[in-house]
């Protein structure tokens, strides 16, 4: 086997292994059509790894130090409190209670 073919075989094996791990993680919600399965096999591992890289960057120590100031903390607490109040009010109005 040529070196290039070995690399392709290793990448395909790893890709299918990653898709299998994602399938086990999302077990009850399996695709039901052939397009869904194809999309899952092609896009699933790529989007998972992209999300891992993005959120590792987003939640890095550098970003944590940048947003850990007291002013940001007060703003975040106020915005979460107002959001939870408006959501609970909207749910109370929509259910008629």
N, C-alpha and C. Protein backbone atom coordinates (compact mmCIF):
# COMPACT_ATOMS: atom_id res chain seq x y z
N UNK A 1 0.84 -1.18 0.00
CA UNK A 1 0.00 0.00 0.00
C UNK A 1 0.88 1.24 0.00
N UNK A 2 0.50 2.22 -0.77
CA UNK A 2 1.28 3.46 -0.81
C UNK A 2 1.02 4.28 0.46
N UNK A 3 1.89 5.19 0.70
CA UNK A 3 1.80 6.04 1.89
C UNK A 3 0.52 6.88 1.88
N UNK A 4 0.18 7.41 0.73
CA UNK A 4 -1.02 8.25 0.60
C UNK A 4 -2.28 7.44 0.90
N UNK A 5 -2.34 6.22 0.42
CA UNK A 5 -3.50 5.36 0.65
C UNK A 5 -3.61 4.99 2.13
N UNK A 6 -2.48 4.79 2.80
CA UNK A 6 -2.50 4.51 4.23
C UNK A 6 -3.04 5.70 5.02
N UNK A 7 -2.65 6.90 4.62
CA UNK A 7 -3.14 8.11 5.31
C UNK A 7 -4.64 8.26 5.10
N UNK A 8 -5.09 8.05 3.87
CA UNK A 8 -6.53 8.16 3.58
C UNK A 8 -7.30 7.11 4.37
N UNK A 9 -6.79 5.90 4.44
CA UNK A 9 -7.46 4.84 5.19
C UNK A 9 -7.52 5.19 6.68
N UNK A 10 -6.45 5.76 7.21
CA UNK A 10 -6.44 6.15 8.62
C UNK A 10 -7.43 7.27 8.89
N UNK A 11 -7.52 8.25 8.01
CA UNK A 11 -8.46 9.35 8.18
C UNK A 11 -9.89 8.85 8.10
N UNK A 12 -10.18 7.98 7.14
CA UNK A 12 -11.54 7.44 7.00
C UNK A 12 -11.91 6.61 8.23
N UNK A 13 -10.98 5.82 8.72
CA UNK A 13 -11.24 5.01 9.92
C UNK A 13 -11.51 5.90 11.12
N UNK A 14 -10.70 6.92 11.30
CA UNK A 14 -10.91 7.86 12.41
C UNK A 14 -12.24 8.59 12.27
N UNK A 15 -12.57 9.00 11.04
CA UNK A 15 -13.82 9.72 10.78
C UNK A 15 -15.03 8.85 11.13
N UNK A 16 -15.00 7.59 10.72
CA UNK A 16 -16.11 6.68 11.03
C UNK A 16 -16.18 6.37 12.52
N UNK A 17 -15.03 6.28 13.17
CA UNK A 17 -15.02 6.09 14.62
C UNK A 17 -15.66 7.29 15.32
N UNK A 18 -15.30 8.51 14.89
CA UNK A 18 -15.88 9.72 15.49
C UNK A 18 -17.39 9.76 15.23
N UNK A 19 -17.83 9.38 14.04
CA UNK A 19 -19.26 9.35 13.74
C UNK A 19 -19.96 8.31 14.60
N UNK A 20 -19.31 7.20 14.86
CA UNK A 20 -19.88 6.18 15.75
C UNK A 20 -20.03 6.68 17.17
N UNK A 21 -19.02 7.39 17.66
CA UNK A 21 -19.10 7.97 19.01
C UNK A 21 -20.24 8.98 19.08
N UNK A 22 -20.37 9.81 18.06
CA UNK A 22 -21.48 10.78 18.03
C UNK A 22 -22.83 10.08 17.96
N UNK A 23 -22.89 8.99 17.23
CA UNK A 23 -24.14 8.24 17.13
C UNK A 23 -24.54 7.66 18.47
N UNK A 24 -23.58 7.14 19.20
CA UNK A 24 -23.88 6.60 20.53
C UNK A 24 -24.30 7.72 21.48
N UNK A 25 -23.67 8.89 21.35
CA UNK A 25 -24.01 10.03 22.22
C UNK A 25 -25.42 10.54 21.92
N UNK A 26 -25.84 10.46 20.67
CA UNK A 26 -27.16 10.97 20.28
C UNK A 26 -28.11 9.82 19.98
N UNK A 27 -28.04 8.74 20.73
CA UNK A 27 -28.73 7.50 20.40
C UNK A 27 -30.22 7.62 20.12
N UNK A 28 -31.03 8.24 20.95
CA UNK A 28 -32.47 8.23 20.63
C UNK A 28 -32.82 9.03 19.38
N UNK A 29 -32.00 9.97 19.00
CA UNK A 29 -32.31 10.86 17.88
C UNK A 29 -31.49 10.49 16.66
N UNK A 30 -31.68 9.30 16.14
CA UNK A 30 -30.94 8.84 14.97
C UNK A 30 -31.62 9.35 13.70
N UNK A 31 -30.82 9.58 12.65
CA UNK A 31 -31.43 9.97 11.37
C UNK A 31 -32.34 8.86 10.85
N UNK A 32 -33.38 9.24 10.15
CA UNK A 32 -34.32 8.24 9.65
C UNK A 32 -34.32 8.13 8.13
N UNK A 33 -33.67 9.05 7.44
CA UNK A 33 -33.62 9.00 5.97
C UNK A 33 -32.18 8.82 5.52
N UNK A 34 -32.03 8.46 4.25
CA UNK A 34 -30.67 8.29 3.72
C UNK A 34 -29.93 9.62 3.64
N UNK A 35 -30.66 10.70 3.37
CA UNK A 35 -30.03 12.03 3.36
C UNK A 35 -29.59 12.41 4.77
N UNK A 36 -30.39 12.07 5.75
CA UNK A 36 -30.03 12.34 7.14
C UNK A 36 -28.79 11.57 7.56
N UNK A 37 -28.71 10.30 7.17
CA UNK A 37 -27.53 9.49 7.49
C UNK A 37 -26.29 10.03 6.79
N UNK A 38 -26.43 10.40 5.53
CA UNK A 38 -25.29 10.93 4.78
C UNK A 38 -24.82 12.25 5.40
N UNK A 39 -25.78 13.11 5.74
CA UNK A 39 -25.42 14.37 6.39
C UNK A 39 -24.75 14.13 7.72
N UNK A 40 -25.26 13.17 8.47
CA UNK A 40 -24.69 12.85 9.77
C UNK A 40 -23.25 12.36 9.63
N UNK A 41 -23.02 11.46 8.67
CA UNK A 41 -21.68 10.91 8.49
C UNK A 41 -20.70 11.93 7.94
N UNK A 42 -21.18 12.83 7.07
CA UNK A 42 -20.28 13.81 6.46
C UNK A 42 -20.08 15.02 7.37
N UNK A 43 -21.17 15.56 7.91
CA UNK A 43 -21.08 16.80 8.67
C UNK A 43 -20.91 16.62 10.18
N UNK A 44 -21.38 15.51 10.71
CA UNK A 44 -21.36 15.31 12.15
C UNK A 44 -20.00 15.46 12.80
N UNK A 45 -19.01 14.65 12.41
CA UNK A 45 -17.69 14.79 13.04
C UNK A 45 -17.04 16.15 12.79
N UNK A 46 -17.22 16.69 11.59
CA UNK A 46 -16.61 17.99 11.29
C UNK A 46 -17.19 19.08 12.19
N UNK A 47 -18.51 19.12 12.32
CA UNK A 47 -19.13 20.14 13.18
C UNK A 47 -18.79 19.93 14.64
N UNK A 48 -18.67 18.68 15.06
CA UNK A 48 -18.30 18.40 16.45
C UNK A 48 -16.89 18.91 16.75
N UNK A 49 -15.94 18.59 15.88
CA UNK A 49 -14.57 19.03 16.11
C UNK A 49 -14.44 20.55 15.99
N UNK A 50 -15.18 21.14 15.05
CA UNK A 50 -15.18 22.60 14.93
C UNK A 50 -15.72 23.24 16.20
N UNK A 51 -16.79 22.68 16.75
CA UNK A 51 -17.35 23.20 18.00
C UNK A 51 -16.38 23.05 19.17
N UNK A 52 -15.68 21.91 19.23
CA UNK A 52 -14.69 21.71 20.28
C UNK A 52 -13.60 22.77 20.22
N UNK A 53 -13.09 23.02 19.02
CA UNK A 53 -12.02 24.01 18.86
C UNK A 53 -12.53 25.41 19.21
N UNK A 54 -13.72 25.76 18.71
CA UNK A 54 -14.27 27.09 18.97
C UNK A 54 -14.51 27.33 20.45
N UNK A 55 -15.14 26.37 21.12
CA UNK A 55 -15.46 26.59 22.53
C UNK A 55 -14.23 26.47 23.42
N UNK A 56 -13.20 25.74 23.00
CA UNK A 56 -11.94 25.75 23.73
C UNK A 56 -11.31 27.13 23.66
N UNK A 57 -11.40 27.75 22.50
CA UNK A 57 -10.88 29.11 22.34
C UNK A 57 -11.74 30.09 23.13
N UNK A 58 -13.05 29.94 23.06
CA UNK A 58 -13.95 30.88 23.72
C UNK A 58 -13.82 30.83 25.23
N UNK A 59 -13.69 29.64 25.80
CA UNK A 59 -13.62 29.50 27.25
C UNK A 59 -12.18 29.36 27.75
N UNK A 60 -11.23 29.91 27.01
CA UNK A 60 -9.84 29.84 27.43
C UNK A 60 -9.59 30.76 28.62
N UNK A 61 -8.44 30.60 29.24
CA UNK A 61 -8.09 31.41 30.42
C UNK A 61 -7.96 32.88 30.04
N UNK A 62 -7.48 33.16 28.83
CA UNK A 62 -7.34 34.55 28.40
C UNK A 62 -8.70 35.26 28.37
N UNK A 63 -9.69 34.61 27.80
CA UNK A 63 -11.02 35.21 27.76
C UNK A 63 -11.63 35.30 29.16
N UNK A 64 -11.35 34.33 30.00
CA UNK A 64 -11.86 34.37 31.37
C UNK A 64 -11.32 35.54 32.15
N UNK A 65 -10.03 35.83 31.98
CA UNK A 65 -9.46 37.01 32.66
C UNK A 65 -10.03 38.29 32.10
N UNK A 66 -10.31 38.30 30.82
CA UNK A 66 -10.80 39.53 30.18
C UNK A 66 -12.21 39.89 30.65
N UNK A 67 -13.05 38.89 30.89
CA UNK A 67 -14.45 39.19 31.25
C UNK A 67 -14.73 39.02 32.73
N UNK A 68 -13.70 38.84 33.55
CA UNK A 68 -13.97 38.60 34.97
C UNK A 68 -13.97 39.87 35.81
N UNK A 69 -14.02 41.02 35.19
CA UNK A 69 -14.06 42.26 35.96
C UNK A 69 -15.38 42.45 36.67
N UNK A 70 -15.37 43.28 37.70
CA UNK A 70 -16.57 43.51 38.52
C UNK A 70 -17.68 44.16 37.70
N UNK A 71 -17.33 45.08 36.80
CA UNK A 71 -18.34 45.76 36.00
C UNK A 71 -19.07 44.75 35.11
N UNK A 72 -18.32 43.84 34.51
CA UNK A 72 -18.95 42.83 33.67
C UNK A 72 -19.83 41.91 34.51
N UNK A 73 -19.40 41.59 35.70
CA UNK A 73 -20.16 40.69 36.57
C UNK A 73 -21.53 41.29 36.91
N UNK A 74 -21.56 42.57 37.27
CA UNK A 74 -22.83 43.23 37.58
C UNK A 74 -23.74 43.28 36.36
N UNK A 75 -23.16 43.58 35.21
CA UNK A 75 -23.95 43.64 33.98
C UNK A 75 -24.51 42.27 33.63
N UNK A 76 -23.70 41.23 33.79
CA UNK A 76 -24.16 39.88 33.47
C UNK A 76 -25.26 39.44 34.41
N UNK A 77 -25.11 39.73 35.70
CA UNK A 77 -26.15 39.35 36.67
C UNK A 77 -27.45 40.08 36.38
N UNK A 78 -27.37 41.36 36.06
CA UNK A 78 -28.57 42.13 35.76
C UNK A 78 -29.25 41.61 34.50
N UNK A 79 -28.47 41.32 33.47
CA UNK A 79 -29.08 40.86 32.22
C UNK A 79 -29.70 39.46 32.40
N UNK A 80 -29.07 38.59 33.16
CA UNK A 80 -29.66 37.27 33.39
C UNK A 80 -30.93 37.36 34.23
N UNK A 81 -30.93 38.24 35.21
CA UNK A 81 -32.11 38.41 36.05
C UNK A 81 -33.27 38.96 35.22
N UNK A 82 -33.00 39.97 34.41
CA UNK A 82 -34.08 40.54 33.60
C UNK A 82 -34.57 39.55 32.54
N UNK A 83 -33.66 38.74 31.98
CA UNK A 83 -34.06 37.75 31.00
C UNK A 83 -34.92 36.66 31.64
N UNK A 84 -34.53 36.20 32.83
CA UNK A 84 -35.32 35.16 33.48
C UNK A 84 -36.69 35.69 33.90
N UNK A 85 -36.76 36.94 34.33
CA UNK A 85 -38.07 37.53 34.69
C UNK A 85 -38.97 37.65 33.47
N UNK A 86 -38.41 38.12 32.36
CA UNK A 86 -39.25 38.28 31.17
C UNK A 86 -39.66 36.92 30.60
N UNK A 87 -38.78 35.91 30.68
CA UNK A 87 -39.14 34.57 30.20
C UNK A 87 -40.24 33.97 31.07
N UNK A 88 -40.12 34.11 32.39
CA UNK A 88 -41.15 33.56 33.25
C UNK A 88 -42.47 34.30 33.07
N UNK A 89 -42.41 35.60 32.83
CA UNK A 89 -43.63 36.34 32.57
C UNK A 89 -44.27 35.92 31.25
N UNK A 90 -43.45 35.70 30.24
CA UNK A 90 -43.97 35.27 28.94
C UNK A 90 -44.57 33.86 29.05
N UNK A 91 -43.94 32.98 29.81
CA UNK A 91 -44.48 31.64 29.97
C UNK A 91 -45.79 31.68 30.77
N UNK A 92 -45.85 32.55 31.75
CA UNK A 92 -47.08 32.68 32.54
C UNK A 92 -48.22 33.22 31.69
N UNK A 93 -47.90 34.15 30.77
CA UNK A 93 -48.95 34.71 29.90
C UNK A 93 -49.38 33.70 28.85
N UNK A 94 -48.43 32.93 28.33
CA UNK A 94 -48.78 32.01 27.25
C UNK A 94 -49.58 30.81 27.75
N UNK A 95 -49.39 30.43 29.02
CA UNK A 95 -50.15 29.30 29.53
C UNK A 95 -51.47 29.73 30.14
N UNK A 96 -51.66 31.02 30.29
CA UNK A 96 -52.93 31.53 30.82
C UNK A 96 -53.04 31.45 32.32
N UNK A 97 -51.93 31.32 33.03
CA UNK A 97 -52.01 31.26 34.51
C UNK A 97 -51.64 32.59 35.12
